[in-house]
Amino acid sequence: MPQLFAYKARNLSGKLLTGKIEAESRDAAIAQLRNRNYYVVQINPAMDFKLDLDKLLNLKIKVKDLAVFCRQAATMIEAGIPLLQCLNILTQQTESKKLREILKAVVMDIENGKSLSEAFRIHQRYLPGIFIDMLTAGEVSGTLDQAMDRLANQFEKDHELKEKIKSAMTYPLVIGAFAFLAMVILLVVVVPVFVEIFEQVGAELPLPTRIMLGFSKACTNFWFLILPAPLLLYFGLKSFAATDRGKVITDRLLLKLPVYGKLTQKTITARFARTLATLLKSGVPLMQSLETVENVVGNTQVTKIIKAARENIKEGENMSPILLNASFFPPMAVNMIAIGEESGALDALLEKVAIYYEQEVETLVAKLSSVIEPLMIAGVGIMVGFIAVSIYLPLFGLSGAMQGGTGLN
């Protein structure tokens, strides 16, 4: 696993430079710096908090930034602009600070004799596997512009799909957040006022009011724990999911959720087919392509299936029987893959599978959004209604008692 090293070094001009570098060992870090024509003055292991934070927050380069980079690089390379000049231009243009840092390091490594893919491989922690594999294939075949173009298409599709899912989930999340805040404010500010009135007049409190009073006291006494609770829960689950065991458990649970599980299945199917088709079209061997896809699907359960498919291919068999027996991929997708294997047109049929299931995801997201929104509104209405009833029940009792007393007089 890469370690983080803090270094002091001098360049060819004698200028003292300081920074941090990732490498497998201290010697590997020194070798990287020497490849950049740096004279190492001092190098020591740095605190690896940043690496852990990167893993926790998943600080990879955004797909959107990679899509823009690949699209612009493809256009410039096709136009005959030298590679180093392209990279220098893109370094100035990119909006991503992390990508800008990587591009600067890549330029220096290329100037010191590394190939483009080798230079990017040093920073593979922040890049998807398909990116480096496609660059390697493009360099070997002399079609780097086409590789960049296919990568741009891949990343644009990924970004478009993620944005549609995100936009569908945004509205319900906003409603949920405002509902949570409104409930806390009602229970902490409004309810205690009415409770004080009821206690002063000695009104008997019905069960719903007593339940609400319990919630109100809990919110009043422990508001400093309740308000940050959603954020603490979110980061707690994210930290748990970042561990190997947590990842396995959360991946299994996500696939079993009633509606979200189906959405996850279709999304992974589309991503699997799109990525594998892109790699095969670029000339990456099937075994290497599947190895890359393992790291792209984002689900440990599916990763196991792909590993089993690779073992089947090693033994001279097709991967479609393994995919079918695993019962994860939809039968239609597996059947099309089987036809592609038999006909020798696997990349073309995988692309058709990707297009179909990308459309399926869009349709399911639209349906999911239309179902969640009214459910959220109904949920908020029920909660507010319960509070209103809890407040008004004692008022009705108090009003009845007062009217009875007036009648007796």
Protein backbone atom coordinates (compact mmCIF):
# COMPACT_ATOMS: atom_id res chain seq x y z
CA MET A 1 0.00 0.00 0.00
CA PRO A 2 1.38 3.46 -0.87
CA GLN A 3 2.85 5.55 1.93
CA LEU A 4 3.10 9.31 2.19
CA PHE A 5 6.59 10.85 2.46
CA ALA A 6 7.52 14.47 3.21
CA TYR A 7 10.63 15.60 1.36
CA LYS A 8 13.05 18.47 0.91
CA ALA A 9 14.92 18.48 -2.40
CA ARG A 10 16.79 20.77 -4.78
CA ASN A 11 16.08 21.01 -8.50
CA LEU A 12 18.66 21.52 -11.25
CA SER A 13 18.65 25.26 -10.54
CA GLY A 14 19.50 24.65 -6.89
CA LYS A 15 16.13 25.86 -5.62
CA LEU A 16 14.99 24.17 -2.40
CA LEU A 17 11.61 22.49 -2.81
CA THR A 18 9.38 20.89 -0.18
CA GLY A 19 6.40 18.65 -0.67
CA LYS A 20 4.83 15.26 -0.19
CA ILE A 21 4.94 12.20 -2.43
CA GLU A 22 3.22 8.80 -2.41
CA ALA A 23 5.29 5.66 -2.93
CA GLU A 24 5.46 2.01 -1.90
CA SER A 25 8.66 2.61 0.11
CA ARG A 26 11.24 5.26 1.00
CA ASP A 27 13.57 4.03 -1.75
CA ALA A 28 10.74 4.17 -4.29
CA ALA A 29 9.97 7.75 -3.23
CA ILE A 30 13.63 8.75 -3.67
CA ALA A 31 13.66 7.08 -7.10
CA GLN A 32 10.57 9.04 -8.15
CA LEU A 33 12.18 12.31 -7.07
CA ARG A 34 15.42 11.47 -8.87
CA ASN A 35 13.43 10.77 -12.02
CA ARG A 36 12.26 14.37 -11.76
CA ASN A 37 15.92 15.48 -11.56
CA TYR A 38 15.59 16.39 -7.88
CA TYR A 39 18.50 16.04 -5.43
CA VAL A 40 16.95 14.71 -2.22
CA VAL A 41 18.06 16.60 0.88
CA GLN A 42 15.71 15.01 3.39
CA ILE A 43 12.83 12.52 3.20
CA ASN A 44 10.77 11.02 6.03
CA PRO A 45 7.41 9.28 6.40
CA ALA A 46 4.65 11.84 6.75
CA MET A 47 1.51 11.41 8.77
CA ASP A 48 -0.82 9.26 6.68
CA PHE A 49 -3.98 11.04 7.87
CA LYS A 50 -4.44 12.46 4.38
CA LEU A 51 -4.42 8.99 2.84
CA ASP A 52 -7.03 7.76 5.30
CA LEU A 53 -9.12 10.87 4.69
CA ASP A 54 -8.88 10.32 0.95
CA LYS A 55 -10.17 6.79 1.41
CA LEU A 56 -12.97 7.95 3.71
CA LEU A 57 -14.15 10.81 1.52
CA ASN A 58 -13.34 9.02 -1.75
CA LEU A 59 -11.30 11.96 -3.02
CA LYS A 60 -10.81 10.73 -6.56
CA ILE A 61 -10.82 13.12 -9.48
CA LYS A 62 -14.42 13.92 -10.38
CA VAL A 63 -15.81 12.14 -13.42
CA LYS A 64 -16.93 15.50 -14.82
CA ASP A 65 -13.36 16.87 -14.71
CA LEU A 66 -11.98 13.72 -16.34
CA ALA A 67 -14.59 13.92 -19.09
CA VAL A 68 -13.62 17.51 -19.91
CA PHE A 69 -9.90 16.67 -19.78
CA CYS A 70 -10.24 13.63 -22.08
CA ARG A 71 -12.48 15.47 -24.56
CA GLN A 72 -10.07 18.40 -24.86
CA ALA A 73 -7.02 16.12 -25.01
CA ALA A 74 -8.60 14.01 -27.78
CA THR A 75 -9.35 17.13 -29.83
CA MET A 76 -5.83 18.57 -29.46
CA ILE A 77 -4.00 15.28 -30.11
CA GLU A 78 -6.14 14.66 -33.20
CA ALA A 79 -5.25 18.18 -34.38
CA GLY A 80 -1.56 17.26 -34.22
CA ILE A 81 -0.57 19.32 -31.17
CA PRO A 82 2.42 17.70 -29.35
CA LEU A 83 1.52 15.76 -26.20
CA LEU A 84 3.52 17.89 -23.75
CA GLN A 85 2.05 21.08 -25.18
CA CYS A 86 -1.45 19.59 -24.80
CA LEU A 87 -0.79 18.70 -21.17
CA ASN A 88 0.61 22.15 -20.37
CA ILE A 89 -2.45 23.81 -21.89
CA LEU A 90 -4.84 21.49 -20.03
CA THR A 91 -2.96 22.06 -16.77
CA GLN A 92 -3.79 25.76 -17.02
CA GLN A 93 -7.41 25.17 -18.08
CA THR A 94 -8.61 22.51 -15.64
CA GLU A 95 -10.77 23.69 -12.75
CA SER A 96 -9.82 20.72 -10.55
CA LYS A 97 -6.96 21.58 -8.18
CA LYS A 98 -6.08 17.91 -7.68
CA LEU A 99 -6.05 17.18 -11.42
CA ARG A 100 -3.87 20.26 -11.98
CA GLU A 101 -1.33 18.94 -9.45
CA ILE A 102 -1.32 15.52 -11.12
CA LEU A 103 -0.88 17.00 -14.61
CA LYS A 104 2.10 19.07 -13.45
CA ALA A 105 3.74 15.93 -12.06
CA VAL A 106 2.87 13.97 -15.23
CA VAL A 107 4.53 16.61 -17.43
CA MET A 108 7.74 16.40 -15.37
CA ASP A 109 7.73 12.59 -15.48
CA ILE A 110 7.24 12.57 -19.28
CA GLU A 111 10.09 15.04 -19.67
CA ASN A 112 12.21 12.58 -17.67
CA GLY A 113 11.43 9.70 -20.03
CA LYS A 114 8.24 8.08 -18.76
CA SER A 115 5.33 7.27 -21.05
CA LEU A 116 1.95 8.96 -20.52
CA SER A 117 0.37 5.88 -18.94
CA GLU A 118 3.39 5.28 -16.67
CA ALA A 119 3.28 8.88 -15.49
CA PHE A 120 -0.45 8.67 -14.70
CA ARG A 121 -0.07 5.25 -13.05
CA ILE A 122 1.91 6.90 -10.22
CA HIS A 123 -1.33 8.71 -9.31
CA GLN A 124 -3.69 5.76 -9.79
CA ARG A 125 -5.11 6.26 -6.28
CA TYR A 126 -7.02 9.26 -7.64
CA LEU A 127 -7.92 7.85 -11.08
CA PRO A 128 -10.26 5.09 -12.29
CA GLY A 129 -8.53 1.94 -13.56
CA ILE A 130 -10.13 2.25 -16.99
CA PHE A 131 -8.32 5.57 -17.51
CA ILE A 132 -4.81 4.10 -17.23
CA ASP A 133 -5.65 0.87 -19.10
CA MET A 134 -7.13 2.82 -22.02
CA LEU A 135 -4.11 5.14 -22.17
CA THR A 136 -1.80 2.11 -22.25
CA ALA A 137 -3.79 0.51 -25.07
CA GLY A 138 -3.86 3.80 -26.99
CA GLU A 139 -0.10 4.23 -26.69
CA VAL A 140 0.64 0.66 -27.82
CA SER A 141 -1.69 0.88 -30.84
CA GLY A 142 -0.77 4.47 -31.73
CA THR A 143 -4.39 5.59 -31.34
CA LEU A 144 -4.12 7.78 -28.25
CA ASP A 145 -6.60 10.31 -29.66
CA GLN A 146 -9.22 7.57 -30.13
CA ALA A 147 -8.56 6.23 -26.63
CA MET A 148 -9.07 9.72 -25.19
CA ASP A 149 -12.26 10.12 -27.24
CA ARG A 150 -13.68 6.83 -25.94
CA LEU A 151 -12.72 7.76 -22.40
CA ALA A 152 -14.51 11.08 -22.82
CA ASN A 153 -17.65 9.28 -24.02
CA GLN A 154 -17.43 6.85 -21.09
CA PHE A 155 -16.98 9.56 -18.45
CA GLU A 156 -19.69 11.77 -19.99
CA LYS A 157 -22.17 8.86 -19.83
CA ASP A 158 -21.17 8.09 -16.23
CA HIS A 159 -21.54 11.74 -15.21
CA GLU A 160 -24.90 12.09 -16.96
CA LEU A 161 -26.26 8.98 -15.22
CA LYS A 162 -25.02 10.07 -11.78
CA GLU A 163 -26.48 13.55 -12.21
CA LYS A 164 -29.92 12.15 -13.10
CA ILE A 165 -29.92 9.92 -10.03
CA LYS A 166 -28.65 12.78 -7.84
CA SER A 167 -31.26 15.24 -9.12
CA ALA A 168 -34.04 12.72 -8.48
CA MET A 169 -32.87 12.27 -4.87
CA THR A 170 -32.24 15.96 -4.10
CA TYR A 171 -35.86 17.08 -3.66
CA PRO A 172 -36.84 14.31 -1.19
CA LEU A 173 -33.64 14.90 0.81
CA VAL A 174 -34.33 18.65 1.02
CA ILE A 175 -37.90 18.00 2.17
CA GLY A 176 -36.63 15.51 4.74
CA ALA A 177 -34.04 17.96 6.09
CA PHE A 178 -36.56 20.80 6.44
CA ALA A 179 -39.10 18.45 8.02
CA PHE A 180 -36.51 17.33 10.58
CA LEU A 181 -35.63 20.94 11.48
CA ALA A 182 -39.30 21.93 11.65
CA MET A 183 -40.08 19.02 13.98
CA VAL A 184 -37.21 19.92 16.30
CA ILE A 185 -38.27 23.60 16.40
CA LEU A 186 -41.89 22.67 17.13
CA LEU A 187 -40.91 20.26 19.89
CA VAL A 188 -38.34 22.58 21.48
CA VAL A 189 -40.03 26.00 21.10
CA VAL A 190 -43.80 25.64 20.53
CA VAL A 191 -44.82 22.56 22.50
CA PRO A 192 -43.28 23.65 25.87
CA VAL A 193 -45.41 26.84 25.80
CA PHE A 194 -48.65 24.85 25.57
CA VAL A 195 -47.47 22.28 28.11
CA GLU A 196 -46.81 25.07 30.62
CA ILE A 197 -50.36 26.37 30.10
CA PHE A 198 -51.85 22.90 30.59
CA GLU A 199 -49.86 22.38 33.80
CA GLN A 200 -50.95 25.77 35.21
CA VAL A 201 -54.65 24.99 34.75
CA GLY A 202 -54.23 21.37 35.86
CA ALA A 203 -55.59 19.89 32.62
CA GLU A 204 -55.43 16.10 32.26
CA LEU A 205 -53.10 15.20 29.38
CA PRO A 206 -54.24 12.45 26.98
CA LEU A 207 -51.84 9.72 25.77
CA PRO A 208 -50.83 11.41 22.44
CA THR A 209 -49.96 14.59 24.33
CA ARG A 210 -47.91 12.68 26.92
CA ILE A 211 -46.00 10.93 24.11
CA MET A 212 -45.32 14.25 22.40
CA LEU A 213 -44.29 15.76 25.74
CA GLY A 214 -41.71 13.00 26.13
CA PHE A 215 -40.29 13.79 22.70
CA SER A 216 -40.31 17.50 23.52
CA LYS A 217 -38.36 17.03 26.75
CA ALA A 218 -35.87 14.79 24.99
CA CYS A 219 -35.33 17.42 22.27
CA THR A 220 -35.05 20.23 24.84
CA ASN A 221 -32.57 18.39 27.04
CA PHE A 222 -30.53 16.74 24.31
CA TRP A 223 -30.84 19.14 21.36
CA PHE A 224 -27.02 19.35 21.11
CA LEU A 225 -27.00 15.62 20.33
CA ILE A 226 -30.13 15.47 18.16
CA LEU A 227 -29.26 18.30 15.73
CA PRO A 228 -25.91 16.84 14.59
CA ALA A 229 -27.29 13.26 14.72
CA PRO A 230 -28.02 12.98 10.95
CA LEU A 231 -24.50 14.16 10.06
CA LEU A 232 -22.90 11.89 12.65
CA LEU A 233 -24.95 8.97 11.35
CA TYR A 234 -23.95 9.77 7.75
CA PHE A 235 -20.22 9.96 8.49
CA GLY A 236 -20.44 6.95 10.80
CA LEU A 237 -22.00 4.82 8.06
CA LYS A 238 -19.51 6.18 5.53
CA SER A 239 -16.60 5.28 7.82
CA PHE A 240 -18.03 1.80 8.34
CA ALA A 241 -18.54 1.34 4.59
CA ALA A 242 -14.91 2.36 4.01
CA THR A 243 -13.72 -0.75 5.88
CA ASP A 244 -13.47 -4.09 4.06
CA ARG A 245 -16.09 -5.79 6.23
CA GLY A 246 -18.38 -2.75 6.18
CA LYS A 247 -18.18 -2.55 2.39
CA VAL A 248 -19.29 -6.19 2.04
CA ILE A 249 -22.22 -5.72 4.43
CA THR A 250 -23.45 -2.43 2.92
CA ASP A 251 -23.14 -3.73 -0.64
CA ARG A 252 -25.24 -6.78 0.25
CA LEU A 253 -27.88 -4.67 2.01
CA LEU A 254 -28.15 -2.14 -0.83
CA LEU A 255 -28.97 -4.90 -3.30
CA LYS A 256 -31.77 -6.17 -1.04
CA LEU A 257 -33.57 -2.84 -0.63
CA PRO A 258 -37.02 -2.97 -2.31
CA VAL A 259 -36.68 -0.27 -4.98
CA TYR A 260 -33.11 0.98 -4.58
CA GLY A 261 -31.83 -2.59 -4.99
CA LYS A 262 -33.36 -2.81 -8.46
CA LEU A 263 -31.94 0.61 -9.35
CA THR A 264 -28.48 -0.51 -8.16
CA GLN A 265 -28.71 -3.70 -10.23
CA LYS A 266 -29.57 -1.85 -13.43
CA THR A 267 -26.95 0.85 -12.81
CA ILE A 268 -24.20 -1.72 -12.25
CA THR A 269 -25.30 -3.69 -15.32
CA ALA A 270 -25.10 -0.55 -17.47
CA ARG A 271 -21.71 0.41 -16.00
CA PHE A 272 -20.34 -3.13 -16.44
CA ALA A 273 -21.42 -3.30 -20.07
CA ARG A 274 -20.34 0.25 -20.96
CA THR A 275 -16.88 -0.09 -19.38
CA LEU A 276 -16.17 -3.55 -20.81
CA ALA A 277 -17.32 -2.48 -24.29
CA THR A 278 -15.11 0.62 -24.19
CA LEU A 279 -12.04 -1.37 -23.13
CA LEU A 280 -12.56 -4.12 -25.71
CA LYS A 281 -13.06 -1.57 -28.50
CA SER A 282 -9.74 0.00 -27.55
CA GLY A 283 -7.93 -3.32 -27.91
CA VAL A 284 -7.49 -4.14 -24.22
CA PRO A 285 -7.47 -7.96 -23.76
CA LEU A 286 -10.63 -9.48 -22.24
CA MET A 287 -8.94 -10.73 -19.06
CA GLN A 288 -7.32 -7.36 -18.37
CA SER A 289 -10.59 -5.59 -19.21
CA LEU A 290 -12.52 -7.71 -16.69
CA GLU A 291 -9.88 -7.00 -14.06
CA THR A 292 -10.41 -3.28 -14.63
CA VAL A 293 -14.20 -3.68 -14.56
CA GLU A 294 -13.92 -5.37 -11.14
CA ASN A 295 -12.75 -2.04 -9.71
CA VAL A 296 -15.36 0.00 -11.58
CA VAL A 297 -18.65 -1.72 -10.67
CA GLY A 298 -18.39 -0.51 -7.07
CA ASN A 299 -20.02 -3.53 -5.42
CA THR A 300 -18.15 -6.38 -3.72
CA GLN A 301 -20.90 -8.91 -4.50
CA VAL A 302 -20.59 -8.21 -8.24
CA THR A 303 -16.79 -8.17 -8.01
CA LYS A 304 -16.91 -11.80 -6.83
CA ILE A 305 -19.04 -12.72 -9.85
CA ILE A 306 -16.60 -11.06 -12.26
CA LYS A 307 -13.65 -12.82 -10.60
CA ALA A 308 -15.44 -16.15 -11.08
CA ALA A 309 -16.07 -15.23 -14.74
CA ARG A 310 -12.36 -14.55 -15.20
CA GLU A 311 -11.50 -17.96 -13.75
CA ASN A 312 -13.97 -19.54 -16.18
CA ILE A 313 -12.29 -17.78 -19.11
CA LYS A 314 -8.87 -18.98 -17.90
CA GLU A 315 -10.18 -22.53 -18.21
CA GLY A 316 -11.23 -21.88 -21.80
CA GLU A 317 -14.94 -21.35 -21.09
CA ASN A 318 -17.22 -18.38 -21.69
CA MET A 319 -18.14 -15.93 -18.94
CA SER A 320 -21.90 -15.90 -19.67
CA PRO A 321 -22.68 -19.19 -17.78
CA ILE A 322 -21.13 -17.72 -14.60
CA LEU A 323 -23.10 -14.48 -15.01
CA LEU A 324 -26.31 -16.47 -15.51
CA ASN A 325 -25.78 -18.75 -12.49
CA ALA A 326 -24.98 -15.78 -10.23
CA SER A 327 -28.56 -14.47 -10.71
CA PHE A 328 -27.49 -10.84 -10.44
CA PHE A 329 -27.35 -9.64 -14.04
CA PRO A 330 -30.73 -9.51 -15.83
CA PRO A 331 -31.31 -12.54 -18.13
CA MET A 332 -31.62 -10.32 -21.21
CA ALA A 333 -28.18 -8.81 -20.57
CA VAL A 334 -26.60 -12.24 -20.04
CA ASN A 335 -28.24 -13.65 -23.19
CA MET A 336 -26.89 -10.77 -25.28
CA ILE A 337 -23.42 -11.29 -23.80
CA ALA A 338 -23.65 -15.00 -24.65
CA ILE A 339 -24.59 -14.17 -28.25
CA GLY A 340 -21.68 -11.72 -28.41
CA GLU A 341 -19.25 -14.39 -27.19
CA GLU A 342 -20.48 -16.90 -29.77
CA SER A 343 -20.55 -14.42 -32.68
CA GLY A 344 -17.28 -12.65 -31.87
CA ALA A 345 -19.07 -9.30 -31.58
CA LEU A 346 -18.94 -9.00 -27.79
CA ASP A 347 -18.01 -5.31 -27.74
CA ALA A 348 -20.90 -4.33 -30.04
CA LEU A 349 -23.52 -6.27 -28.05
CA LEU A 350 -22.15 -4.99 -24.75
CA GLU A 351 -22.65 -1.45 -26.02
CA LYS A 352 -26.28 -2.29 -26.86
CA VAL A 353 -26.73 -3.71 -23.35
CA ALA A 354 -25.28 -0.51 -21.89
CA ILE A 355 -27.59 1.74 -23.92
CA TYR A 356 -30.66 -0.31 -22.97
CA TYR A 357 -29.97 -0.38 -19.23
CA GLU A 358 -28.93 3.27 -19.12
CA GLN A 359 -32.40 4.04 -20.46
CA GLU A 360 -33.90 1.63 -17.91
CA VAL A 361 -32.11 3.48 -15.10
CA GLU A 362 -33.46 6.82 -16.33
CA THR A 363 -37.01 5.42 -16.39
CA LEU A 364 -36.68 3.87 -12.93
CA VAL A 365 -35.22 7.06 -11.47
CA ALA A 366 -38.17 9.07 -12.81
CA LYS A 367 -40.62 6.56 -11.28
CA LEU A 368 -38.74 6.50 -7.99
CA SER A 369 -38.81 10.29 -7.78
CA SER A 370 -42.55 10.40 -8.49
CA VAL A 371 -43.19 7.85 -5.71
CA ILE A 372 -40.84 9.29 -3.06
CA GLU A 373 -42.05 12.90 -3.27
CA PRO A 374 -45.71 12.26 -2.27
CA LEU A 375 -44.58 9.77 0.40
CA MET A 376 -42.28 12.39 1.93
CA ILE A 377 -45.04 15.02 1.86
CA ALA A 378 -47.48 12.55 3.44
CA GLY A 379 -44.92 11.68 6.12
CA VAL A 380 -44.39 15.33 7.00
CA GLY A 381 -48.16 15.85 7.09
CA ILE A 382 -48.64 12.93 9.48
CA MET A 383 -45.94 14.20 11.85
CA VAL A 384 -47.28 17.76 11.89
CA GLY A 385 -50.83 16.43 12.24
CA PHE A 386 -49.82 14.32 15.26
CA ILE A 387 -48.30 17.38 16.95
CA ALA A 388 -51.40 19.47 16.20
CA VAL A 389 -53.76 16.79 17.56
CA SER A 390 -51.57 16.35 20.65
CA ILE A 391 -51.83 20.08 21.36
CA TYR A 392 -55.54 20.49 20.61
CA LEU A 393 -56.85 17.44 22.53
CA PRO A 394 -56.12 18.99 25.96
CA LEU A 395 -57.53 22.30 24.70
CA PHE A 396 -60.81 20.60 23.78
CA GLY A 397 -60.90 18.94 27.20
CA LEU A 398 -60.16 22.23 28.92
CA SER A 399 -62.81 24.04 26.86
CA GLY A 400 -65.39 21.38 27.73
CA ALA A 401 -64.59 21.64 31.41
CA MET A 402 -64.92 25.44 31.31
CA GLN A 403 -68.27 25.23 29.49
CA GLY A 404 -69.53 22.68 32.03
CA GLY A 405 -68.51 24.96 34.87
CA THR A 406 -70.27 27.91 33.23
CA GLY A 407 -73.47 25.91 32.80
CA LEU A 408 -73.53 25.00 36.49
CA ASN A 409 -73.25 28.63 37.45
